[in-house]
Amino acid sequence: MSKSKIMIVEDESIIAEDLADSLEDMGYIVVDIVSSGEEAILMAAEKQPHLILMDVILQGEIDGITAAEEIYSSLQIPIIFLTAYSDNQTLQRVKATNPFGYIVKPFEERNLYLTIEIALERHHYDPITHLPNRFLFKSKLDEILSHKNGDNSGNLYHINESHKHQNFPKIPIFYISLDRINRIQVTLGSNNRELVLCNIAKRLKESISDIEILAHLEAAEFAIILKPVKHKKNAIDIAESILDVISQSMVLGSDEVYVTASIGITFYPLDGTVADELLKNANAAMYHAQQKGGNNYQLHKSKTVVISREKLSLETNLRNALKRSEFHIYYQPKVDIRQGKITGAEALIRWFHPEKGLISPAEFIPIAEETGLIISIGEWVLHTACSQTKVWQEEGFAPFQIAVNLSRSQFIHRNLQERIIKIIQEVDLTPNYLELEVTEGLVMQNERAASRIMKAWQNYGIKISMDDFGKGYSSLSYLREFPFDVIKIDKSFIHNIMADSKTEAITIAIIQMAHSLNLKVVAEGVETQAELEFLQRHKCDEIQGYLFGPPLPISKFEQLLKEGKKYI
């Protein structure tokens, strides 16, 4: 088994260095030492340690318990607390994070070693499928490759181009992703989604005899190491049988469902000789299979590596962007249709890379979602937007609401409700000046939890808007079930109101219905005078779009506030 990598989060440098020496003497690898909660969140994502030793009291605004919650919920890295605090309040907060250990300073090295080993053992297996997880899979792959790369028997494990077509043993690695499984969660709930994962895990274990190890990596992704094969065709036959096994129907209660998969295949040593390289290439091949519509397999090819490397490069840059202050907030004005003045703004993130320039949110937000970085980025947006709004109020500008979008990952993140309230309290912003924008898709993930969270926000004074209203099929029912204050008519309706009588009728109906429910209506994407006049006639409340202004940096938006001009 390969050595376990540990990150230390401790703001006393002498203690941290002594601890690092002790860990290395025990046989562990110390990948980093950091002193603040903020840095811990960033470096955990970058270093991907097997375990983190976390002090409770740290430098910066985020303490160890808050950092631990974020790290484990987004990265599933086990955390052991090392602290001098053992009071009941601290213990209760720690307990709520489900830690993998809690050691009160001073402690004996033997107790630390045992706690670490128990934590690592607890973290070897996925709690849903009971299969090995990514950590154990990677360790097993490292172990297999260390034997092969160190083989002195003359086997051709270090090969050149002339050897690639010889029939020597090759180890296949499969990266499997279930296609569109989120549809099952949205339609039938998260419990049924877990049943599907368990069912697929059982099918794979029972149907494939040549497995070295089968693991559940995360979400809807599995990985397999097969026993060595002489011909690629042997592995392809197994991949085809896996597709057949997965695509067979399954019954969930009274519902019959079908699931398909995308499989990426790499071969050791043809496609790499180290675990990270092989997994990266298998993942790229899987992504290529997804691009072809799913329900197929793809072998690693150089073209997919280009895609993977571009994505990997962007991900690496993204991990450093927050630390290097490369993100900025732009503000798009919202204009009151009766007064003609700015009465609000939407905060929108922009990424200015020092070499690549402006990178579109459409390019980096999906990667931020995939990697869990969206949690820290989203909180930065909230904190920055609320803080700037408070600054403008203190400078004498008329108070207005700032609207901030919530991402999918943020919305399902543990303690989101408390985190947002804490941000408002930190910047001393009156809650009714913050408007949180959610979409139908977010609400559908867990309707009961969504209702509870949104009611808590509303009771606190935060305004809640339904973004992109009209795009989803359940929008009307959600207006009845959830405590919205605002609905934002999707721009696709606004762009078509002058050309399509049906769209015109629907838009009028949305405005009238919203007003009958005492909801404010905001029209997005207004770009022409004709669209403005239509919305004026039908008494829309606020308007947002390029007719009044694009998203602007702080200085230019502030200039609009100073001018105080009427737009209508």
Protein backbone atom coordinates (compact mmCIF):
# COMPACT_ATOMS: atom_id res chain seq x y z
CA MET A 1 0.00 0.00 0.00
CA SER A 2 1.28 3.48 -0.85
CA LYS A 3 2.05 5.98 1.89
CA SER A 4 -0.88 8.08 3.11
CA LYS A 5 -0.71 11.83 2.45
CA ILE A 6 -1.63 14.14 5.34
CA MET A 7 -2.18 17.91 5.44
CA ILE A 8 -1.67 19.84 8.69
CA VAL A 9 -3.83 22.88 9.50
CA GLU A 10 -2.22 24.59 12.52
CA ASP A 11 -1.44 28.27 13.14
CA GLU A 12 1.36 27.64 15.67
CA SER A 13 4.36 27.08 13.39
CA ILE A 14 6.53 25.30 15.99
CA ILE A 15 3.73 22.86 16.85
CA ALA A 16 3.05 22.29 13.14
CA GLU A 17 6.71 21.55 12.34
CA ASP A 18 7.05 19.14 15.29
CA LEU A 19 3.86 17.39 14.23
CA ALA A 20 5.12 17.10 10.65
CA ASP A 21 8.36 15.49 11.84
CA SER A 22 6.41 12.99 13.96
CA LEU A 23 4.12 12.07 11.07
CA GLU A 24 7.02 11.50 8.71
CA ASP A 25 8.69 9.31 11.33
CA MET A 26 5.46 7.28 11.44
CA GLY A 27 5.70 6.73 7.69
CA TYR A 28 3.20 9.31 6.42
CA ILE A 29 3.78 11.99 3.79
CA VAL A 30 3.04 15.58 4.91
CA VAL A 31 1.84 17.33 1.73
CA ASP A 32 1.39 20.80 3.23
CA ILE A 33 1.16 22.89 6.41
CA VAL A 34 -1.33 25.80 6.41
CA SER A 35 -2.40 28.21 9.13
CA SER A 36 -5.91 29.46 8.22
CA GLY A 37 -9.30 27.99 7.41
CA GLU A 38 -9.46 29.83 4.08
CA GLU A 39 -6.09 28.45 3.00
CA ALA A 40 -7.08 24.97 4.22
CA ILE A 41 -10.11 24.94 1.91
CA LEU A 42 -8.06 26.01 -1.09
CA MET A 43 -5.09 23.72 -0.48
CA ALA A 44 -7.23 20.69 0.35
CA ALA A 45 -8.74 20.96 -3.12
CA GLU A 46 -5.31 21.42 -4.71
CA LYS A 47 -3.27 18.84 -2.73
CA GLN A 48 -6.03 16.20 -2.30
CA PRO A 49 -4.55 14.66 0.88
CA HIS A 50 -5.84 11.36 2.24
CA LEU A 51 -6.46 12.95 5.65
CA ILE A 52 -6.32 16.35 7.36
CA LEU A 53 -5.23 17.14 10.92
CA MET A 54 -7.17 20.30 11.84
CA ASP A 55 -6.78 22.71 14.74
CA VAL A 56 -10.05 24.33 15.87
CA ILE A 57 -8.79 27.88 16.43
CA LEU A 58 -7.01 29.32 13.39
CA GLN A 59 -5.88 32.57 11.84
CA GLY A 60 -8.34 34.31 9.51
CA GLU A 61 -12.12 34.57 9.56
CA ILE A 62 -12.90 30.84 9.17
CA ASP A 63 -12.21 28.56 12.12
CA GLY A 64 -11.21 24.90 11.84
CA ILE A 65 -14.73 23.54 12.35
CA THR A 66 -16.22 25.66 9.56
CA ALA A 67 -13.32 24.79 7.25
CA ALA A 68 -13.76 21.09 8.07
CA GLU A 69 -17.47 21.21 7.17
CA GLU A 70 -16.71 22.72 3.79
CA ILE A 71 -13.80 20.41 2.99
CA TYR A 72 -15.59 17.21 3.90
CA SER A 73 -18.89 18.12 2.21
CA SER A 74 -17.20 19.03 -1.08
CA LEU A 75 -14.11 16.76 -1.13
CA GLN A 76 -14.94 13.93 1.31
CA ILE A 77 -11.49 14.13 2.89
CA PRO A 78 -11.54 12.70 6.45
CA ILE A 79 -10.61 15.16 9.20
CA ILE A 80 -9.19 14.65 12.68
CA PHE A 81 -9.32 17.60 15.08
CA LEU A 82 -6.26 18.35 17.23
CA THR A 83 -7.14 20.99 19.80
CA ALA A 84 -6.60 22.25 23.31
CA TYR A 85 -10.33 22.91 23.64
CA SER A 86 -12.65 20.33 25.21
CA ASP A 87 -15.54 22.50 26.44
CA ASN A 88 -19.09 21.39 25.71
CA GLN A 89 -19.81 24.13 23.15
CA THR A 90 -16.76 23.21 21.07
CA LEU A 91 -17.50 19.49 21.40
CA GLN A 92 -21.08 19.99 20.20
CA ARG A 93 -19.94 21.97 17.16
CA VAL A 94 -17.28 19.38 16.35
CA LYS A 95 -19.75 16.53 16.79
CA ALA A 96 -22.08 18.09 14.20
CA THR A 97 -19.34 17.71 11.56
CA ASN A 98 -19.07 13.92 12.05
CA PRO A 99 -15.26 14.02 12.41
CA PHE A 100 -13.03 10.99 12.04
CA GLY A 101 -11.27 11.75 15.30
CA TYR A 102 -10.85 14.32 18.10
CA ILE A 103 -7.63 14.49 20.10
CA VAL A 104 -7.07 16.96 22.95
CA LYS A 105 -3.58 18.46 23.21
CA PRO A 106 -1.17 17.41 24.58
CA PHE A 107 -1.35 13.87 23.24
CA GLU A 108 0.87 10.82 22.87
CA GLU A 109 2.18 9.93 19.41
CA ARG A 110 0.87 6.38 19.80
CA ASN A 111 -2.70 7.70 20.27
CA LEU A 112 -2.32 9.95 17.23
CA TYR A 113 -1.08 7.05 15.11
CA LEU A 114 -3.97 4.80 16.14
CA THR A 115 -6.53 7.55 15.50
CA ILE A 116 -5.09 8.22 12.04
CA GLU A 117 -5.06 4.53 11.10
CA ILE A 118 -8.65 4.04 12.31
CA ALA A 119 -9.78 7.14 10.38
CA LEU A 120 -8.09 5.95 7.19
CA GLU A 121 -9.61 2.51 7.59
CA ARG A 122 -13.10 4.01 8.11
CA HIS A 123 -12.58 6.04 4.96
CA HIS A 124 -11.57 3.13 2.69
CA TYR A 125 -15.09 2.19 1.75
CA ASP A 126 -18.04 4.10 0.23
CA PRO A 127 -21.00 4.10 2.68
CA ILE A 128 -23.67 3.81 -0.04
CA THR A 129 -22.39 0.91 -2.16
CA HIS A 130 -19.92 -0.55 0.38
CA LEU A 131 -17.37 -0.68 -2.45
CA PRO A 132 -13.82 0.63 -2.10
CA ASN A 133 -13.75 4.40 -2.62
CA ARG A 134 -11.38 6.56 -4.67
CA PHE A 135 -8.72 6.53 -1.96
CA LEU A 136 -8.56 2.74 -1.72
CA PHE A 137 -8.83 2.32 -5.50
CA LYS A 138 -5.92 4.70 -6.06
CA SER A 139 -3.88 2.95 -3.36
CA LYS A 140 -4.54 -0.44 -4.96
CA LEU A 141 -3.59 0.88 -8.40
CA ASP A 142 -0.39 2.39 -6.97
CA GLU A 143 0.41 -0.94 -5.36
CA ILE A 144 -0.15 -2.91 -8.58
CA LEU A 145 1.93 -0.49 -10.64
CA SER A 146 4.77 -0.41 -8.12
CA HIS A 147 5.13 -4.17 -8.53
CA LYS A 148 4.95 -3.99 -12.32
CA ASN A 149 7.28 -1.03 -12.70
CA GLY A 150 9.78 -2.72 -10.41
CA ASP A 151 9.56 -6.09 -12.20
CA ASN A 152 13.04 -7.46 -12.95
CA SER A 153 11.88 -10.51 -14.88
CA GLY A 154 12.32 -8.94 -18.29
CA ASN A 155 8.62 -8.38 -18.95
CA LEU A 156 7.94 -5.50 -21.31
CA TYR A 157 6.48 -2.95 -18.89
CA HIS A 158 8.72 -0.12 -20.04
CA ILE A 159 7.95 -0.03 -23.73
CA ASN A 160 8.64 2.03 -26.80
CA GLU A 161 6.63 2.56 -29.99
CA SER A 162 7.91 -0.64 -31.64
CA HIS A 163 6.52 -2.75 -28.80
CA LYS A 164 3.00 -1.35 -28.75
CA HIS A 165 1.47 -4.01 -30.99
CA GLN A 166 3.09 -7.00 -29.31
CA ASN A 167 0.91 -9.39 -27.36
CA PHE A 168 2.36 -8.79 -23.91
CA PRO A 169 0.05 -8.51 -20.86
CA LYS A 170 -1.73 -5.18 -20.51
CA ILE A 171 -3.74 -4.02 -17.47
CA PRO A 172 -7.10 -2.40 -18.43
CA ILE A 173 -8.49 0.42 -16.28
CA PHE A 174 -12.16 1.35 -16.78
CA TYR A 175 -13.66 4.69 -15.75
CA ILE A 176 -17.48 4.35 -15.74
CA SER A 177 -20.02 7.16 -15.41
CA LEU A 178 -23.76 6.52 -15.29
CA ASP A 179 -25.55 8.68 -17.86
CA ARG A 180 -28.08 11.29 -16.72
CA ILE A 181 -28.72 9.64 -13.37
CA ASN A 182 -29.77 13.01 -11.95
CA ARG A 183 -33.08 12.54 -13.78
CA ILE A 184 -33.85 9.72 -11.35
CA GLN A 185 -33.01 11.87 -8.33
CA VAL A 186 -35.12 14.77 -9.64
CA THR A 187 -38.08 12.55 -10.48
CA LEU A 188 -37.96 9.81 -7.83
CA GLY A 189 -35.80 11.30 -5.07
CA SER A 190 -32.32 10.78 -3.65
CA ASN A 191 -33.19 7.48 -1.93
CA ASN A 192 -34.03 5.88 -5.26
CA ARG A 193 -30.85 7.32 -6.74
CA GLU A 194 -28.88 5.50 -4.03
CA LEU A 195 -30.80 2.30 -4.75
CA VAL A 196 -29.74 2.57 -8.40
CA LEU A 197 -26.08 2.96 -7.39
CA CYS A 198 -26.28 -0.07 -5.10
CA ASN A 199 -28.03 -2.09 -7.81
CA ILE A 200 -25.38 -1.22 -10.39
CA ALA A 201 -22.59 -2.05 -7.92
CA LYS A 202 -24.18 -5.46 -7.27
CA ARG A 203 -24.57 -6.18 -11.00
CA LEU A 204 -20.95 -5.30 -11.72
CA LYS A 205 -19.61 -7.46 -8.87
CA GLU A 206 -21.69 -10.46 -9.92
CA SER A 207 -21.25 -10.28 -13.69
CA ILE A 208 -17.50 -9.69 -14.18
CA SER A 209 -15.08 -12.42 -13.15
CA ASP A 210 -11.78 -10.78 -14.13
CA ILE A 211 -11.96 -7.82 -11.75
CA GLU A 212 -8.90 -6.95 -9.68
CA ILE A 213 -10.81 -4.16 -7.87
CA LEU A 214 -14.18 -2.41 -8.38
CA ALA A 215 -14.65 0.99 -6.71
CA HIS A 216 -17.29 3.68 -6.37
CA LEU A 217 -15.32 6.89 -6.88
CA GLU A 218 -17.99 9.53 -6.24
CA ALA A 219 -21.45 10.60 -7.38
CA ALA A 220 -22.36 8.27 -10.27
CA GLU A 221 -18.82 7.19 -11.17
CA PHE A 222 -17.21 3.75 -10.79
CA ALA A 223 -13.75 2.45 -11.68
CA ILE A 224 -12.42 -1.02 -12.39
CA ILE A 225 -8.96 -2.53 -12.61
CA LEU A 226 -9.08 -5.77 -14.59
CA LYS A 227 -6.61 -8.61 -14.48
CA PRO A 228 -4.00 -8.40 -17.28
CA VAL A 229 -5.12 -9.23 -20.83
CA LYS A 230 -3.04 -10.06 -23.91
CA HIS A 231 -5.31 -8.34 -26.42
CA LYS A 232 -7.28 -5.09 -26.21
CA LYS A 233 -10.23 -7.02 -27.65
CA ASN A 234 -10.47 -8.95 -24.36
CA ALA A 235 -11.09 -5.72 -22.45
CA ILE A 236 -13.47 -4.39 -25.12
CA ASP A 237 -15.61 -7.52 -24.81
CA ILE A 238 -15.85 -6.91 -21.06
CA ALA A 239 -16.77 -3.25 -21.63
CA GLU A 240 -19.58 -4.28 -23.97
CA SER A 241 -20.88 -6.78 -21.42
CA ILE A 242 -20.81 -4.04 -18.74
CA LEU A 243 -22.91 -1.76 -20.96
CA ASP A 244 -25.42 -4.59 -21.44
CA VAL A 245 -25.58 -5.37 -17.72
CA ILE A 246 -26.04 -1.74 -16.70
CA SER A 247 -28.72 -1.03 -19.34
CA GLN A 248 -31.05 -3.78 -18.13
CA SER A 249 -34.21 -2.39 -16.52
CA MET A 250 -34.65 -2.18 -12.77
CA VAL A 251 -37.78 -1.72 -10.67
CA LEU A 252 -37.90 0.98 -7.99
CA GLY A 253 -41.16 0.58 -6.13
CA SER A 254 -43.85 0.96 -8.77
CA ASP A 255 -41.48 2.50 -11.32
CA GLU A 256 -39.40 0.75 -13.97
CA VAL A 257 -36.26 2.69 -14.87
CA TYR A 258 -33.37 2.31 -17.29
CA VAL A 259 -29.80 3.49 -16.82
CA THR A 260 -26.96 3.61 -19.34
CA ALA A 261 -23.26 4.31 -18.91
CA SER A 262 -20.22 5.89 -20.56
CA ILE A 263 -16.95 3.97 -20.22
CA GLY A 264 -13.40 5.22 -20.73
CA ILE A 265 -10.64 2.62 -21.12
CA THR A 266 -6.89 2.92 -20.66
CA PHE A 267 -4.19 0.23 -20.66
CA TYR A 268 -1.07 0.00 -18.55
CA PRO A 269 1.63 0.48 -19.79
CA LEU A 270 0.42 1.70 -23.22
CA ASP A 271 -1.37 4.77 -21.90
CA GLY A 272 0.78 5.54 -18.88
CA THR A 273 2.87 3.99 -16.13
CA VAL A 274 1.66 5.93 -13.06
CA ALA A 275 -1.78 5.88 -11.45
CA ASP A 276 -2.62 9.57 -11.87
CA GLU A 277 -1.81 9.52 -15.57
CA LEU A 278 -3.82 6.36 -16.22
CA LEU A 279 -6.86 7.64 -14.31
CA LYS A 280 -6.67 11.01 -16.05
CA ASN A 281 -6.58 9.33 -19.45
CA ALA A 282 -9.41 6.95 -18.55
CA ASN A 283 -11.49 9.92 -17.38
CA ALA A 284 -10.78 11.77 -20.64
CA ALA A 285 -11.86 8.71 -22.65
CA MET A 286 -15.05 8.50 -20.55
CA TYR A 287 -15.74 12.17 -21.23
CA HIS A 288 -15.33 11.44 -24.94
CA ALA A 289 -17.91 8.63 -24.60
CA GLN A 290 -20.30 11.08 -22.95
CA GLN A 291 -19.79 13.54 -25.80
CA LYS A 292 -20.90 10.81 -28.20
CA GLY A 293 -24.22 10.53 -26.39
CA GLY A 294 -23.42 7.98 -23.69
CA ASN A 295 -24.16 4.24 -23.62
CA ASN A 296 -20.83 3.50 -25.30
CA TYR A 297 -17.16 2.95 -24.52
CA GLN A 298 -14.12 4.81 -25.82
CA LEU A 299 -10.46 3.85 -25.69
CA HIS A 300 -7.92 6.46 -24.70
CA LYS A 301 -6.72 8.44 -27.69
CA SER A 302 -4.38 11.39 -27.96
CA LYS A 303 -7.30 13.63 -28.98
CA THR A 304 -9.10 12.98 -25.72
CA VAL A 305 -5.91 13.76 -23.84
CA VAL A 306 -5.93 17.24 -25.41
CA ILE A 307 -9.46 17.75 -24.10
CA SER A 308 -8.48 16.45 -20.69
CA ARG A 309 -5.33 18.55 -20.47
CA GLU A 310 -7.17 21.71 -21.44
CA LYS A 311 -9.79 20.97 -18.81
CA LEU A 312 -7.11 20.05 -16.25
CA SER A 313 -5.21 23.25 -16.99
CA LEU A 314 -8.36 25.31 -16.55
CA GLU A 315 -9.14 23.49 -13.30
CA THR A 316 -5.62 24.16 -11.97
CA ASN A 317 -5.90 27.84 -12.85
CA LEU A 318 -9.35 27.97 -11.28
CA ARG A 319 -8.04 26.57 -8.00
CA ASN A 320 -5.55 29.44 -7.83
CA ALA A 321 -7.86 32.19 -9.09
CA LEU A 322 -9.50 33.00 -5.76
CA LYS A 323 -6.16 32.97 -3.94
CA ARG A 324 -4.68 35.32 -6.55
CA SER A 325 -7.65 37.74 -6.56
CA GLU A 326 -8.44 37.09 -10.23
CA PHE A 327 -12.23 37.12 -9.69
CA HIS A 328 -14.24 40.33 -9.89
CA ILE A 329 -17.90 41.15 -9.36
CA TYR A 330 -19.76 43.01 -12.08
CA TYR A 331 -23.11 44.65 -11.35
CA GLN A 332 -26.01 44.79 -13.81
CA PRO A 333 -28.58 47.47 -12.99
CA LYS A 334 -32.24 46.71 -12.40
CA VAL A 335 -34.51 49.64 -13.24
CA ASP A 336 -37.90 50.42 -11.71
CA ILE A 337 -40.38 50.72 -14.57
CA ARG A 338 -42.37 53.54 -12.92
CA GLN A 339 -39.57 55.68 -11.51
CA GLY A 340 -37.09 54.95 -14.30
CA LYS A 341 -34.27 54.77 -11.75
CA ILE A 342 -31.87 52.07 -10.61
CA THR A 343 -33.48 50.25 -7.69
CA GLY A 344 -31.36 47.13 -7.63
CA ALA A 345 -28.52 45.18 -9.21
CA GLU A 346 -27.53 41.62 -9.95
CA ALA A 347 -24.03 40.55 -8.89
CA LEU A 348 -22.27 38.50 -11.58
CA ILE A 349 -18.82 36.92 -11.31
CA ARG A 350 -16.11 37.54 -13.90
CA TRP A 351 -12.70 35.83 -14.12
CA PHE A 352 -9.77 37.79 -15.52
CA HIS A 353 -6.84 35.42 -16.01
CA PRO A 354 -3.45 37.23 -16.17
CA GLU A 355 -2.51 35.46 -19.45
CA LYS A 356 -5.78 34.20 -20.96
CA GLY A 357 -7.79 37.33 -20.25
CA LEU A 358 -11.53 37.15 -19.62
CA ILE A 359 -12.77 33.56 -19.20
CA SER A 360 -16.49 33.07 -19.70
CA PRO A 361 -18.56 31.87 -16.70
CA ALA A 362 -20.08 29.29 -19.07
CA GLU A 363 -16.56 27.82 -19.34
CA PHE A 364 -15.48 27.80 -15.71
CA ILE A 365 -18.69 27.49 -13.65
CA PRO A 366 -19.34 23.84 -14.73
CA ILE A 367 -15.77 22.92 -13.71
CA ALA A 368 -16.21 24.76 -10.41
CA GLU A 369 -19.38 22.72 -9.84
CA GLU A 370 -17.64 19.43 -10.68
CA THR A 371 -14.67 20.06 -8.40
CA GLY A 372 -16.57 21.57 -5.47
CA LEU A 373 -14.74 24.90 -5.85
CA ILE A 374 -18.11 26.57 -6.47
CA ILE A 375 -18.72 26.48 -2.69
CA SER A 376 -15.83 28.78 -1.79
CA ILE A 377 -16.29 30.86 -4.97
CA GLY A 378 -20.01 31.26 -4.27
CA GLU A 379 -19.38 32.38 -0.71
CA TRP A 380 -16.80 34.88 -1.94
CA VAL A 381 -19.38 36.32 -4.38
CA LEU A 382 -21.98 36.61 -1.61
CA HIS A 383 -19.56 38.21 0.83
CA THR A 384 -18.13 40.61 -1.74
CA ALA A 385 -21.51 41.69 -3.11
CA CYS A 386 -23.04 42.21 0.34
CA SER A 387 -19.97 44.07 1.56
CA GLN A 388 -19.93 46.39 -1.48
CA THR A 389 -23.66 47.07 -1.08
CA LYS A 390 -23.05 48.12 2.53
CA VAL A 391 -20.19 50.39 1.41
CA TRP A 392 -22.46 52.14 -1.10
CA GLN A 393 -25.07 52.68 1.62
CA GLU A 394 -22.45 54.18 3.95
CA GLU A 395 -21.29 56.48 1.14
CA GLY A 396 -24.79 57.94 0.96
CA PHE A 397 -26.29 56.21 -2.08
CA ALA A 398 -29.95 55.26 -1.82
CA PRO A 399 -30.19 51.70 -0.46
CA PHE A 400 -31.10 49.00 -3.00
CA GLN A 401 -31.33 45.23 -3.20
CA ILE A 402 -28.40 43.19 -4.44
CA ALA A 403 -29.35 39.93 -6.18
CA VAL A 404 -26.98 36.94 -6.03
CA ASN A 405 -27.43 33.62 -7.84
CA LEU A 406 -27.08 30.38 -5.90
CA SER A 407 -25.49 27.39 -7.63
CA ARG A 408 -26.67 23.78 -7.45
CA SER A 409 -23.81 22.74 -5.18
CA GLN A 410 -24.30 25.71 -2.86
CA PHE A 411 -27.98 25.00 -2.46
CA ILE A 412 -27.46 21.40 -1.32
CA HIS A 413 -24.41 22.27 0.78
CA ARG A 414 -24.66 21.64 4.50
CA ASN A 415 -25.37 24.69 6.69
CA LEU A 416 -26.01 26.99 3.69
CA GLN A 417 -28.73 28.79 5.65
CA GLU A 418 -26.42 29.58 8.56
CA ARG A 419 -23.52 30.53 6.27
CA ILE A 420 -25.54 33.16 4.40
CA ILE A 421 -26.91 34.65 7.62
CA LYS A 422 -23.37 34.77 9.02
CA ILE A 423 -22.15 36.70 5.95
CA ILE A 424 -24.96 39.25 6.35
CA GLN A 425 -24.08 39.69 10.01
CA GLU A 426 -20.36 40.04 9.27
CA VAL A 427 -20.87 42.90 6.81
CA ASP A 428 -23.73 44.39 8.89
CA LEU A 429 -26.16 44.48 5.95
CA THR A 430 -29.87 44.73 6.65
CA PRO A 431 -31.22 41.35 5.39
CA ASN A 432 -33.96 42.76 3.14
CA TYR A 433 -31.28 44.29 0.90
CA LEU A 434 -30.14 40.81 -0.16
CA GLU A 435 -32.09 38.89 -2.80
CA LEU A 436 -31.15 35.27 -3.43
CA GLU A 437 -31.95 33.90 -6.88
CA VAL A 438 -32.81 30.21 -7.22
CA THR A 439 -33.95 28.23 -10.24
CA GLU A 440 -36.58 25.55 -10.56
CA GLY A 441 -33.83 22.97 -11.02
CA LEU A 442 -32.35 23.81 -7.61
CA VAL A 443 -35.70 23.50 -5.86
CA MET A 444 -36.40 20.15 -7.53
CA GLN A 445 -33.31 18.53 -6.00
CA ASN A 446 -34.88 18.30 -2.56
CA GLU A 447 -38.20 20.07 -2.28
CA ARG A 448 -38.71 19.53 1.45
CA ALA A 449 -35.26 20.86 2.36
CA ALA A 450 -35.61 23.73 -0.12
CA SER A 451 -38.89 24.82 1.46
CA ARG A 452 -37.39 24.74 4.95
CA ILE A 453 -34.30 26.71 3.96
CA MET A 454 -36.23 29.32 1.98
CA LYS A 455 -38.75 29.91 4.79
CA ALA A 456 -35.88 30.43 7.23
CA TRP A 457 -34.32 33.02 4.90
CA GLN A 458 -37.62 34.79 4.47
CA ASN A 459 -38.25 34.86 8.23
CA TYR A 460 -34.83 36.45 8.63
CA GLY A 461 -35.75 39.12 6.07
CA ILE A 462 -33.88 37.92 2.97
CA LYS A 463 -35.78 38.23 -0.32
CA ILE A 464 -36.04 35.19 -2.60
CA SER A 465 -36.57 35.27 -6.35
CA MET A 466 -37.32 32.50 -8.84
CA ASP A 467 -34.89 32.95 -11.69
CA ASP A 468 -35.61 31.95 -15.32
CA PHE A 469 -39.35 31.71 -14.64
CA GLY A 470 -41.23 29.85 -17.37
CA LYS A 471 -38.38 27.62 -18.56
CA GLY A 472 -39.34 24.67 -16.36
CA TYR A 473 -42.49 22.61 -16.40
CA SER A 474 -43.33 22.95 -12.67
CA SER A 475 -42.90 26.71 -12.24
CA LEU A 476 -46.57 27.37 -11.46
CA SER A 477 -46.82 24.73 -8.76
CA TYR A 478 -43.64 26.03 -7.14
CA LEU A 479 -45.15 29.49 -6.77
CA ARG A 480 -47.82 27.86 -4.64
CA GLU A 481 -45.47 25.65 -2.61
CA PHE A 482 -42.51 27.95 -1.94
CA PRO A 483 -42.14 31.39 -0.35
CA PHE A 484 -40.94 33.48 -3.30
CA ASP A 485 -40.95 37.29 -3.19
CA VAL A 486 -39.92 37.88 -6.80
CA ILE A 487 -40.17 36.10 -10.14
CA LYS A 488 -37.82 36.87 -13.00
CA ILE A 489 -39.35 36.25 -16.42
CA ASP A 490 -36.87 34.33 -18.54
CA LYS A 491 -35.31 36.36 -21.35
CA SER A 492 -36.50 33.86 -23.95
CA PHE A 493 -40.03 35.18 -23.39
CA ILE A 494 -38.95 38.82 -23.58
CA HIS A 495 -37.08 38.35 -26.86
CA ASN A 496 -40.14 36.82 -28.52
CA ILE A 497 -43.01 38.97 -27.22
CA MET A 498 -43.05 41.24 -30.28
CA ALA A 499 -42.97 38.37 -32.78
CA ASP A 500 -45.14 35.70 -31.25
CA SER A 501 -48.71 36.25 -30.02
CA LYS A 502 -48.60 33.15 -27.78
CA THR A 503 -45.47 34.37 -26.01
CA GLU A 504 -47.10 37.78 -25.61
CA ALA A 505 -50.19 36.23 -24.01
CA ILE A 506 -48.09 34.05 -21.67
CA THR A 507 -45.97 37.01 -20.57
CA ILE A 508 -49.06 39.09 -19.80
CA ALA A 509 -50.53 36.18 -17.84
CA ILE A 510 -47.31 35.74 -15.82
CA ILE A 511 -47.31 39.42 -14.80
CA GLN A 512 -50.98 39.42 -13.83
CA MET A 513 -50.73 36.14 -11.94
CA ALA A 514 -47.63 37.27 -10.04
CA HIS A 515 -49.29 40.51 -8.98
CA SER A 516 -52.37 38.61 -7.79
CA LEU A 517 -49.97 36.61 -5.56
CA ASN A 518 -48.30 39.84 -4.32
CA LEU A 519 -45.06 38.99 -6.08
CA LYS A 520 -42.73 41.49 -7.74
CA VAL A 521 -41.98 40.83 -11.42
CA VAL A 522 -38.59 41.44 -13.05
CA ALA A 523 -38.13 41.05 -16.82
CA GLU A 524 -34.67 39.83 -17.87
CA GLY A 525 -32.89 40.50 -21.15
CA VAL A 526 -34.71 43.67 -22.21
CA GLU A 527 -32.85 45.01 -25.23
CA THR A 528 -35.25 47.10 -27.35
CA GLN A 529 -37.54 50.07 -26.85
CA ALA A 530 -40.49 48.03 -28.13
CA GLU A 531 -39.92 45.41 -25.42
CA LEU A 532 -39.74 48.16 -22.80
CA GLU A 533 -43.00 49.75 -23.96
CA PHE A 534 -44.79 46.38 -23.91
CA LEU A 535 -43.66 45.76 -20.33
CA GLN A 536 -44.67 49.28 -19.32
CA ARG A 537 -48.17 48.76 -20.72
CA HIS A 538 -48.59 45.57 -18.74
CA LYS A 539 -47.14 46.96 -15.50
CA CYS A 540 -44.02 44.86 -15.04
CA ASP A 541 -42.18 46.09 -11.91
CA GLU A 542 -38.48 46.04 -12.77
CA ILE A 543 -36.43 45.58 -15.91
CA GLN A 544 -32.92 44.30 -16.49
CA GLY A 545 -31.02 44.11 -19.77
CA TYR A 546 -28.62 45.75 -22.21
CA LEU A 547 -31.14 48.49 -23.02
CA PHE A 548 -30.21 49.98 -19.64
CA GLY A 549 -26.72 48.61 -19.24
CA PRO A 550 -24.57 45.47 -19.33
CA PRO A 551 -22.92 44.05 -16.20
CA LEU A 552 -20.43 46.72 -15.09
CA PRO A 553 -17.32 46.84 -12.87
CA ILE A 554 -17.65 48.63 -9.53
CA SER A 555 -16.32 51.98 -10.77
CA LYS A 556 -18.66 52.22 -13.76
CA PHE A 557 -21.71 51.03 -11.84
CA GLU A 558 -20.90 53.54 -9.11
CA GLN A 559 -20.76 56.25 -11.75
CA LEU A 560 -24.33 55.38 -12.77
CA LEU A 561 -25.41 55.72 -9.15
CA LYS A 562 -23.74 59.14 -8.91
CA GLU A 563 -25.39 60.33 -12.11
CA GLY A 564 -28.79 59.27 -10.78
CA LYS A 565 -30.31 59.65 -14.24
CA LYS A 566 -33.75 58.45 -15.28
CA TYR A 567 -33.72 55.65 -17.86
CA ILE A 568 -37.38 55.82 -18.79
